N, C-alpha and C. Protein backbone atom coordinates (compact mmCIF):
# COMPACT_ATOMS: atom_id res chain seq x y z
N MET A 1 171.36 13.58 174.92
CA MET A 1 171.07 12.52 173.97
C MET A 1 169.71 11.89 174.25
N LYS A 2 169.36 11.79 175.53
CA LYS A 2 168.09 11.20 175.92
C LYS A 2 166.93 12.02 175.38
N ILE A 3 167.07 13.33 175.40
CA ILE A 3 166.01 14.21 174.91
C ILE A 3 165.84 14.07 173.41
N ILE A 4 166.93 13.99 172.69
CA ILE A 4 166.86 13.83 171.24
C ILE A 4 166.20 12.51 170.89
N THR A 5 166.57 11.46 171.60
CA THR A 5 165.97 10.15 171.36
C THR A 5 164.47 10.19 171.65
N SER A 6 164.10 10.81 172.75
CA SER A 6 162.68 10.93 173.09
C SER A 6 161.93 11.69 172.03
N PHE A 7 162.52 12.79 171.56
CA PHE A 7 161.88 13.60 170.53
C PHE A 7 161.69 12.80 169.25
N LEU A 8 162.71 12.05 168.83
CA LEU A 8 162.59 11.26 167.61
C LEU A 8 161.53 10.17 167.74
N ILE A 9 161.46 9.54 168.89
CA ILE A 9 160.44 8.51 169.11
C ILE A 9 159.06 9.12 169.05
N LEU A 10 158.88 10.26 169.70
CA LEU A 10 157.58 10.93 169.66
C LEU A 10 157.23 11.40 168.26
N LEU A 11 158.23 11.90 167.54
CA LEU A 11 157.99 12.36 166.18
C LEU A 11 157.57 11.21 165.28
N LEU A 12 158.27 10.09 165.38
CA LEU A 12 157.92 8.94 164.55
C LEU A 12 156.56 8.36 164.93
N SER A 13 156.27 8.29 166.22
CA SER A 13 154.97 7.76 166.64
C SER A 13 153.86 8.72 166.23
N GLY A 14 154.16 10.00 166.21
CA GLY A 14 153.17 10.99 165.78
C GLY A 14 152.82 10.87 164.32
N GLN A 15 153.71 10.31 163.52
CA GLN A 15 153.45 10.14 162.10
C GLN A 15 152.37 9.10 161.84
N PHE A 16 152.16 8.21 162.78
CA PHE A 16 151.17 7.15 162.59
C PHE A 16 149.78 7.55 163.06
N VAL A 17 149.67 8.68 163.72
CA VAL A 17 148.37 9.15 164.17
C VAL A 17 147.65 9.77 162.97
N SER A 18 146.47 9.29 162.68
CA SER A 18 145.75 9.80 161.53
C SER A 18 144.72 10.84 161.95
N ALA A 19 144.20 11.56 160.97
CA ALA A 19 143.14 12.56 161.16
C ALA A 19 143.61 13.77 161.98
N GLN A 20 144.88 14.09 161.93
CA GLN A 20 145.40 15.29 162.58
C GLN A 20 146.29 16.03 161.60
N SER A 21 146.26 17.34 161.68
CA SER A 21 147.15 18.13 160.83
C SER A 21 148.56 18.10 161.42
N ALA A 22 149.52 18.52 160.64
CA ALA A 22 150.91 18.56 161.10
C ALA A 22 151.06 19.49 162.30
N ALA A 23 150.33 20.58 162.30
CA ALA A 23 150.41 21.54 163.42
C ALA A 23 149.97 20.89 164.73
N LYS A 24 148.90 20.13 164.69
CA LYS A 24 148.42 19.47 165.90
C LYS A 24 149.40 18.41 166.38
N LYS A 25 150.00 17.70 165.44
CA LYS A 25 150.99 16.67 165.80
C LYS A 25 152.19 17.30 166.49
N ILE A 26 152.71 18.37 165.90
CA ILE A 26 153.88 19.03 166.46
C ILE A 26 153.55 19.64 167.82
N ASP A 27 152.37 20.25 167.93
CA ASP A 27 151.96 20.83 169.20
C ASP A 27 151.86 19.75 170.28
N SER A 28 151.33 18.61 169.92
CA SER A 28 151.22 17.50 170.87
C SER A 28 152.59 17.02 171.32
N ILE A 29 153.52 16.90 170.39
CA ILE A 29 154.87 16.46 170.71
C ILE A 29 155.56 17.48 171.62
N CYS A 30 155.42 18.76 171.31
CA CYS A 30 156.04 19.81 172.13
C CYS A 30 155.48 19.80 173.55
N LYS A 31 154.17 19.64 173.68
CA LYS A 31 153.56 19.60 175.01
C LYS A 31 154.04 18.40 175.80
N SER A 32 154.16 17.27 175.14
CA SER A 32 154.64 16.06 175.80
C SER A 32 156.07 16.24 176.31
N ILE A 33 156.93 16.78 175.48
CA ILE A 33 158.32 17.02 175.88
C ILE A 33 158.38 18.05 177.00
N SER A 34 157.57 19.09 176.89
CA SER A 34 157.54 20.14 177.90
C SER A 34 157.08 19.59 179.25
N ASN A 35 156.09 18.72 179.24
CA ASN A 35 155.61 18.13 180.49
C ASN A 35 156.64 17.21 181.13
N LYS A 36 157.38 16.49 180.32
CA LYS A 36 158.39 15.57 180.85
C LYS A 36 159.67 16.29 181.27
N ASN A 37 160.00 17.40 180.58
CA ASN A 37 161.24 18.14 180.85
C ASN A 37 160.94 19.63 180.92
N PRO A 38 160.38 20.10 182.04
CA PRO A 38 159.98 21.51 182.13
C PRO A 38 161.16 22.49 182.11
N GLU A 39 162.37 22.02 182.34
CA GLU A 39 163.53 22.92 182.35
C GLU A 39 164.05 23.21 180.95
N ILE A 40 163.49 22.57 179.93
CA ILE A 40 163.96 22.74 178.56
C ILE A 40 162.97 23.61 177.79
N GLY A 41 163.49 24.59 177.06
CA GLY A 41 162.65 25.44 176.22
C GLY A 41 162.69 24.98 174.77
N ILE A 42 161.54 24.95 174.12
CA ILE A 42 161.44 24.50 172.73
C ILE A 42 160.75 25.59 171.93
N SER A 43 161.31 25.90 170.79
CA SER A 43 160.70 26.86 169.88
C SER A 43 160.74 26.27 168.48
N ILE A 44 159.56 26.06 167.90
CA ILE A 44 159.46 25.45 166.58
C ILE A 44 158.56 26.30 165.71
N GLY A 45 158.96 26.48 164.47
CA GLY A 45 158.13 27.19 163.50
C GLY A 45 158.19 26.48 162.17
N PHE A 46 157.07 26.47 161.44
CA PHE A 46 157.07 25.89 160.11
C PHE A 46 155.93 26.50 159.29
N VAL A 47 156.00 26.29 158.00
CA VAL A 47 154.99 26.80 157.07
C VAL A 47 154.34 25.61 156.37
N GLU A 48 153.01 25.58 156.39
CA GLU A 48 152.27 24.52 155.72
C GLU A 48 151.16 25.15 154.89
N ASN A 49 151.20 24.95 153.61
CA ASN A 49 150.19 25.50 152.69
C ASN A 49 150.03 27.02 152.85
N GLY A 50 151.14 27.70 153.03
CA GLY A 50 151.13 29.15 153.14
C GLY A 50 150.78 29.70 154.53
N LYS A 51 150.48 28.85 155.48
CA LYS A 51 150.17 29.27 156.84
C LYS A 51 151.40 29.05 157.71
N GLU A 52 151.68 30.04 158.56
CA GLU A 52 152.82 29.95 159.47
C GLU A 52 152.34 29.45 160.84
N TYR A 53 153.09 28.55 161.41
CA TYR A 53 152.80 28.02 162.75
C TYR A 53 154.05 28.16 163.61
N PHE A 54 153.87 28.60 164.84
CA PHE A 54 154.96 28.74 165.80
C PHE A 54 154.53 28.12 167.11
N PHE A 55 155.41 27.33 167.68
CA PHE A 55 155.13 26.68 168.96
C PHE A 55 156.23 27.00 169.94
């Protein structure tokens, strides 16, 4: 539950950062979670304007 809460907080705070694309925001959030919890694996993929991104 702590991880989910942390992820939601980071996701919401990432929404307020301007001048970054969604891919950079998600990458930043994933790196932050990875640094805090190295034992957890995260795999995220999404499509934005026809471009595929995988983290």
